[in-house]
Amino acid sequence: MQEKRKSRRFVLEATLAMERVDGSKNRLVPINVLDVSGTGMGFSCKELLEMNSVYKVQLKIWTGDTVDALIDIVRFDNSRDDTNVYGANFIGMPGNDTTRFNIHELFEAANEE
């Protein structure tokens, strides 16, 4: 996918479950996080998810804590073997969790130098 993210990406080894909040389907869908930034995330999933749809995510982060957020699916790529790759923007996340992502991003950048 073409880089469109405003914030620096970092890799987060985690899995999470998403729950559709803007429709009648409220089932959990397992996904694999590919990368995360302060403004969004990339992930893969075997399920076909709807573009421009809002999902609730529970993301286990590097501290062991769980971050709850709302994401909007904005990109889709199905060119990989039976796996769909998505890009999503965070549209609802508590400010203190956004700050944690931004601080982690700064530490990752400093460690690369």
C-alpha atoms as a PDB file:
ATOM      1  CA  MET A   1       0.000   0.000   0.000  1.00  0.00           C
ATOM      2  CA  GLN A   2       1.110   3.534  -0.638  1.00  0.00           C
ATOM      3  CA  GLU A   3       2.261   5.418   2.470  1.00  0.00           C
ATOM      4  CA  LYS A   4      -0.454   7.866   3.503  1.00  0.00           C
ATOM      5  CA  ARG A   5      -0.076   7.882   7.265  1.00  0.00           C
ATOM      6  CA  LYS A   6       0.684  11.191   8.978  1.00  0.00           C
ATOM      7  CA  SER A   7       2.519   9.648  11.930  1.00  0.00           C
ATOM      8  CA  ARG A   8       5.572   7.418  12.016  1.00  0.00           C
ATOM      9  CA  ARG A   9       4.771   3.688  11.964  1.00  0.00           C
ATOM     10  CA  PHE A  10       6.080   1.172  14.447  1.00  0.00           C
ATOM     11  CA  VAL A  11       5.637  -2.565  14.659  1.00  0.00           C
ATOM     12  CA  LEU A  12       3.528  -3.970  17.439  1.00  0.00           C
ATOM     13  CA  GLU A  13       3.443  -7.701  17.978  1.00  0.00           C
ATOM     14  CA  ALA A  14      -0.133  -8.272  18.988  1.00  0.00           C
ATOM     15  CA  THR A  15      -3.455  -9.593  17.896  1.00  0.00           C
ATOM     16  CA  LEU A  16      -6.796  -8.070  18.597  1.00  0.00           C
ATOM     17  CA  ALA A  17     -10.461  -8.568  17.979  1.00  0.00           C
ATOM     18  CA  MET A  18     -12.701  -6.075  16.259  1.00  0.00           C
ATOM     19  CA  GLU A  19     -16.381  -5.595  16.792  1.00  0.00           C
ATOM     20  CA  ARG A  20     -18.540  -3.861  14.197  1.00  0.00           C
ATOM     21  CA  VAL A  21     -20.358  -0.905  15.797  1.00  0.00           C
ATOM     22  CA  ASP A  22     -22.153   0.789  12.913  1.00  0.00           C
ATOM     23  CA  GLY A  23     -24.389  -2.094  11.877  1.00  0.00           C
ATOM     24  CA  SER A  24     -26.312  -5.069  13.152  1.00  0.00           C
ATOM     25  CA  LYS A  25     -23.334  -7.448  13.054  1.00  0.00           C
ATOM     26  CA  ASN A  26     -21.482  -7.481  16.370  1.00  0.00           C
ATOM     27  CA  ARG A  27     -19.185 -10.462  16.028  1.00  0.00           C
ATOM     28  CA  LEU A  28     -15.557 -10.657  17.021  1.00  0.00           C
ATOM     29  CA  VAL A  29     -13.101 -10.953  14.149  1.00  0.00           C
ATOM     30  CA  PRO A  30      -9.495 -12.044  14.821  1.00  0.00           C
ATOM     31  CA  ILE A  31      -6.852  -9.963  13.048  1.00  0.00           C
ATOM     32  CA  ASN A  32      -3.052  -9.654  13.019  1.00  0.00           C
ATOM     33  CA  VAL A  33      -1.550  -6.223  13.559  1.00  0.00           C
ATOM     34  CA  LEU A  34       1.102  -5.357  10.956  1.00  0.00           C
ATOM     35  CA  ASP A  35       1.972  -1.860  12.161  1.00  0.00           C
ATOM     36  CA  VAL A  36       0.583   0.930  14.291  1.00  0.00           C
ATOM     37  CA  SER A  37       1.092   4.683  14.445  1.00  0.00           C
ATOM     38  CA  GLY A  38      -0.476   7.427  16.503  1.00  0.00           C
ATOM     39  CA  THR A  39      -3.108   7.986  13.811  1.00  0.00           C
ATOM     40  CA  GLY A  40      -3.904   4.511  12.528  1.00  0.00           C
ATOM     41  CA  MET A  41      -2.940   0.912  11.969  1.00  0.00           C
ATOM     42  CA  GLY A  42      -2.393  -1.727   9.312  1.00  0.00           C
ATOM     43  CA  PHE A  43      -3.587  -5.268   9.842  1.00  0.00           C
ATOM     44  CA  SER A  44      -4.371  -8.495   8.024  1.00  0.00           C
ATOM     45  CA  CYS A  45      -7.493 -10.577   8.316  1.00  0.00           C
ATOM     46  CA  LYS A  46      -8.954 -13.582   6.518  1.00  0.00           C
ATOM     47  CA  GLU A  47     -12.448 -12.085   6.791  1.00  0.00           C
ATOM     48  CA  LEU A  48     -13.768  -9.594   4.250  1.00  0.00           C
ATOM     49  CA  LEU A  49     -14.470  -6.351   6.126  1.00  0.00           C
ATOM     50  CA  GLU A  50     -16.409  -3.404   4.752  1.00  0.00           C
ATOM     51  CA  MET A  51     -14.620  -0.254   3.569  1.00  0.00           C
ATOM     52  CA  ASN A  52     -15.498   3.020   5.305  1.00  0.00           C
ATOM     53  CA  SER A  53     -16.955   1.101   8.227  1.00  0.00           C
ATOM     54  CA  VAL A  54     -16.379   1.795  11.892  1.00  0.00           C
ATOM     55  CA  TYR A  55     -15.145  -0.982  14.158  1.00  0.00           C
ATOM     56  CA  LYS A  56     -14.359  -1.126  17.854  1.00  0.00           C
ATOM     57  CA  VAL A  57     -10.887  -2.493  18.598  1.00  0.00           C
ATOM     58  CA  GLN A  58      -9.235  -3.749  21.745  1.00  0.00           C
ATOM     59  CA  LEU A  59      -5.509  -3.583  21.195  1.00  0.00           C
ATOM     60  CA  LYS A  60      -3.020  -5.152  23.614  1.00  0.00           C
ATOM     61  CA  ILE A  61       0.006  -2.851  23.630  1.00  0.00           C
ATOM     62  CA  TRP A  62       3.669  -3.178  24.675  1.00  0.00           C
ATOM     63  CA  THR A  63       2.915  -2.406  28.350  1.00  0.00           C
ATOM     64  CA  GLY A  64       0.426  -5.272  28.572  1.00  0.00           C
ATOM     65  CA  ASP A  65      -2.460  -2.805  28.844  1.00  0.00           C
ATOM     66  CA  THR A  66      -5.455  -2.887  26.525  1.00  0.00           C
ATOM     67  CA  VAL A  67      -6.360   0.181  24.484  1.00  0.00           C
ATOM     68  CA  ASP A  68      -9.955   0.610  23.328  1.00  0.00           C
ATOM     69  CA  ALA A  69     -10.487   2.654  20.163  1.00  0.00           C
ATOM     70  CA  LEU A  70     -12.724   3.152  17.169  1.00  0.00           C
ATOM     71  CA  ILE A  71     -11.226   2.761  13.713  1.00  0.00           C
ATOM     72  CA  ASP A  72     -12.428   3.544  10.205  1.00  0.00           C
ATOM     73  CA  ILE A  73     -11.356   1.124   7.438  1.00  0.00           C
ATOM     74  CA  VAL A  74      -9.835   3.325   4.708  1.00  0.00           C
ATOM     75  CA  ARG A  75      -7.653   0.979   2.612  1.00  0.00           C
ATOM     76  CA  PHE A  76      -7.923  -2.582   1.376  1.00  0.00           C
ATOM     77  CA  ASP A  77      -5.516  -4.883  -0.480  1.00  0.00           C
ATOM     78  CA  ASN A  78      -6.317  -8.496  -1.331  1.00  0.00           C
ATOM     79  CA  SER A  79      -3.270  -9.229  -3.494  1.00  0.00           C
ATOM     80  CA  ARG A  80      -1.757 -11.573  -0.863  1.00  0.00           C
ATOM     81  CA  ASP A  81      -2.660 -15.257  -0.542  1.00  0.00           C
ATOM     82  CA  ASP A  82      -6.142 -15.617   0.984  1.00  0.00           C
ATOM     83  CA  THR A  83      -5.385 -12.782   3.415  1.00  0.00           C
ATOM     84  CA  ASN A  84      -6.855  -9.315   3.240  1.00  0.00           C
ATOM     85  CA  VAL A  85      -4.704  -6.364   4.299  1.00  0.00           C
ATOM     86  CA  TYR A  86      -6.406  -3.259   5.654  1.00  0.00           C
ATOM     87  CA  GLY A  87      -5.441   0.255   6.627  1.00  0.00           C
ATOM     88  CA  ALA A  88      -7.493   2.053   9.245  1.00  0.00           C
ATOM     89  CA  ASN A  89      -7.522   5.457  10.889  1.00  0.00           C
ATOM     90  CA  PHE A  90      -8.144   5.874  14.591  1.00  0.00           C
ATOM     91  CA  ILE A  91     -11.270   8.009  14.948  1.00  0.00           C
ATOM     92  CA  GLY A  92     -11.961   7.574  18.621  1.00  0.00           C
ATOM     93  CA  MET A  93      -9.295   6.970  21.233  1.00  0.00           C
ATOM     94  CA  PRO A  94      -8.905   8.482  24.693  1.00  0.00           C
ATOM     95  CA  GLY A  95      -6.298  11.258  24.745  1.00  0.00           C
ATOM     96  CA  ASN A  96      -4.051   9.517  27.261  1.00  0.00           C
ATOM     97  CA  ASP A  97      -3.824   6.450  24.975  1.00  0.00           C
ATOM     98  CA  THR A  98      -2.963   8.659  21.982  1.00  0.00           C
ATOM     99  CA  THR A  99      -0.210  10.214  24.075  1.00  0.00           C
ATOM    100  CA  ARG A 100       1.153   6.745  24.936  1.00  0.00           C
ATOM    101  CA  PHE A 101       1.395   5.910  21.223  1.00  0.00           C
ATOM    102  CA  ASN A 102       3.135   9.224  20.490  1.00  0.00           C
ATOM    103  CA  ILE A 103       5.663   8.709  23.314  1.00  0.00           C
ATOM    104  CA  HIS A 104       6.362   5.146  22.159  1.00  0.00           C
ATOM    105  CA  GLU A 105       6.861   6.503  18.637  1.00  0.00           C
ATOM    106  CA  LEU A 106       9.487   8.979  19.927  1.00  0.00           C
ATOM    107  CA  PHE A 107      11.372   6.240  21.805  1.00  0.00           C
ATOM    108  CA  GLU A 108      11.361   3.987  18.717  1.00  0.00           C
ATOM    109  CA  ALA A 109      12.763   6.840  16.597  1.00  0.00           C
ATOM    110  CA  ALA A 110      15.459   7.622  19.173  1.00  0.00           C
ATOM    111  CA  ASN A 111      16.520   3.972  19.357  1.00  0.00           C
ATOM    112  CA  GLU A 112      16.994   3.857  15.579  1.00  0.00           C
ATOM    113  CA  GLU A 113      19.499   6.734  15.625  1.00  0.00           C
END
